């Protein structure tokens, strides 16, 4: 038996644990050409650092919009190696991994 809900009936949505501390805002869906869209409040865009694009994730609970992570300035491999060589890091804590026996296992490409 299929249960149908009216488009504006929000009571059938699954309960989310985060709703106790997350702000819920009802947004209007607008026609944009052959598609539909929602306008996000400027304060929300600023808070989450959203520019001209977002990542959309669809799951069983609904749709989640996420800001696209900033890539920042990436170093080349050569710059990374030079940066690592100039830092006086202590790798002594990693020496315990030498006793894990992985060096004794046969390796096949």
Protein backbone atom coordinates (compact mmCIF):
# COMPACT_ATOMS: atom_id res chain seq x y z
CA UNK A 1 0.00 0.00 0.00
CA UNK A 2 1.50 3.29 -1.11
CA UNK A 3 1.18 6.32 1.13
CA UNK A 4 0.96 9.63 -0.72
CA UNK A 5 1.56 13.02 0.80
CA UNK A 6 0.66 16.49 -0.30
CA UNK A 7 3.61 18.52 -1.65
CA UNK A 8 3.38 21.03 1.19
CA UNK A 9 2.84 18.46 3.98
CA UNK A 10 6.13 18.44 5.93
CA UNK A 11 4.86 16.14 8.71
CA UNK A 12 5.82 12.98 6.81
CA UNK A 13 9.54 13.89 6.64
CA UNK A 14 11.84 11.74 8.78
CA UNK A 15 12.80 13.19 12.12
CA UNK A 16 16.41 14.38 12.29
CA UNK A 17 18.42 14.44 15.49
CA UNK A 18 20.15 17.67 14.52
CA UNK A 19 16.86 19.60 14.32
CA UNK A 20 17.15 20.50 18.02
CA UNK A 21 19.97 22.91 17.29
CA UNK A 22 19.65 23.62 13.58
CA UNK A 23 17.52 26.45 12.26
CA UNK A 24 14.71 25.33 9.96
CA UNK A 25 13.60 27.75 7.24
CA UNK A 26 10.86 27.12 4.70
CA UNK A 27 11.96 28.26 1.23
CA UNK A 28 9.88 28.75 -1.89
CA UNK A 29 10.72 26.72 -4.99
CA UNK A 30 10.91 28.97 -8.07
CA UNK A 31 10.82 28.12 -11.75
CA UNK A 32 14.16 28.71 -13.52
CA UNK A 33 13.73 27.76 -17.17
CA UNK A 34 12.87 24.03 -17.24
CA UNK A 35 14.34 23.56 -13.76
CA UNK A 36 13.42 24.63 -10.25
CA UNK A 37 15.52 26.46 -7.67
CA UNK A 38 15.48 27.93 -4.20
CA UNK A 39 16.96 31.20 -2.98
CA UNK A 40 19.25 30.80 -0.01
CA UNK A 41 19.44 33.61 2.55
CA UNK A 42 22.55 35.83 2.26
CA UNK A 43 23.44 35.17 5.91
CA UNK A 44 23.48 31.40 5.27
CA UNK A 45 25.66 31.83 2.19
CA UNK A 46 28.10 33.97 4.17
CA UNK A 47 28.17 31.64 7.19
CA UNK A 48 29.07 28.59 5.11
CA UNK A 49 31.31 30.36 2.60
CA UNK A 50 29.13 29.49 -0.38
CA UNK A 51 30.05 31.24 -3.61
CA UNK A 52 28.61 30.55 -7.04
CA UNK A 53 28.53 26.73 -6.72
CA UNK A 54 27.58 24.10 -4.12
CA UNK A 55 27.79 20.32 -3.89
CA UNK A 56 24.40 18.59 -3.80
CA UNK A 57 24.08 15.23 -2.04
CA UNK A 58 20.93 13.16 -2.37
CA UNK A 59 20.27 10.53 0.28
CA UNK A 60 17.32 8.69 1.80
CA UNK A 61 16.59 11.59 4.17
CA UNK A 62 16.54 14.32 1.55
CA UNK A 63 18.85 16.77 -0.18
CA UNK A 64 21.96 18.24 1.42
CA UNK A 65 23.81 21.25 0.00
CA UNK A 66 27.46 21.62 0.96
CA UNK A 67 29.98 24.36 0.18
CA UNK A 68 32.73 23.30 -2.20
CA UNK A 69 35.92 22.96 -0.15
CA UNK A 70 38.58 25.55 -0.91
CA UNK A 71 41.59 24.02 -2.61
CA UNK A 72 43.87 26.86 -1.57
CA UNK A 73 47.32 27.21 -3.04
CA UNK A 74 48.82 23.79 -3.72
CA UNK A 75 52.52 23.14 -3.70
CA UNK A 76 54.22 21.21 -6.49
CA UNK A 77 55.95 17.93 -5.60
CA UNK A 78 59.31 19.73 -5.65
CA UNK A 79 58.04 22.52 -3.38
CA UNK A 80 56.53 19.95 -1.01
CA UNK A 81 59.82 18.03 -0.79
CA UNK A 82 61.76 21.25 -0.15
CA UNK A 83 59.27 22.33 2.52
CA UNK A 84 59.51 18.94 4.27
CA UNK A 85 63.32 18.99 4.12
CA UNK A 86 63.53 22.40 5.81
CA UNK A 87 61.28 21.42 8.72
CA UNK A 88 62.95 19.75 11.68
CA UNK A 89 60.35 17.05 12.27
CA UNK A 90 60.88 14.21 14.72
CA UNK A 91 59.92 10.93 13.04
CA UNK A 92 61.17 8.77 15.92
CA UNK A 93 57.60 7.90 17.00
CA UNK A 94 57.10 6.13 13.66
CA UNK A 95 60.03 3.75 14.17
CA UNK A 96 57.75 1.41 16.14
CA UNK A 97 56.09 0.52 12.82
CA UNK A 98 59.33 -1.15 11.70
CA UNK A 99 58.48 -4.04 14.03
CA UNK A 100 55.16 -4.77 12.31
CA UNK A 101 56.77 -7.38 10.05
CA UNK A 102 55.53 -5.91 6.77
CA UNK A 103 59.07 -5.70 5.41
CA UNK A 104 59.31 -9.51 5.67
CA UNK A 105 56.17 -10.18 3.58
CA UNK A 106 56.54 -10.93 -0.14
CA UNK A 107 55.40 -8.05 -2.31
CA UNK A 108 53.79 -8.49 -5.72
CA UNK A 109 53.17 -5.58 -8.08
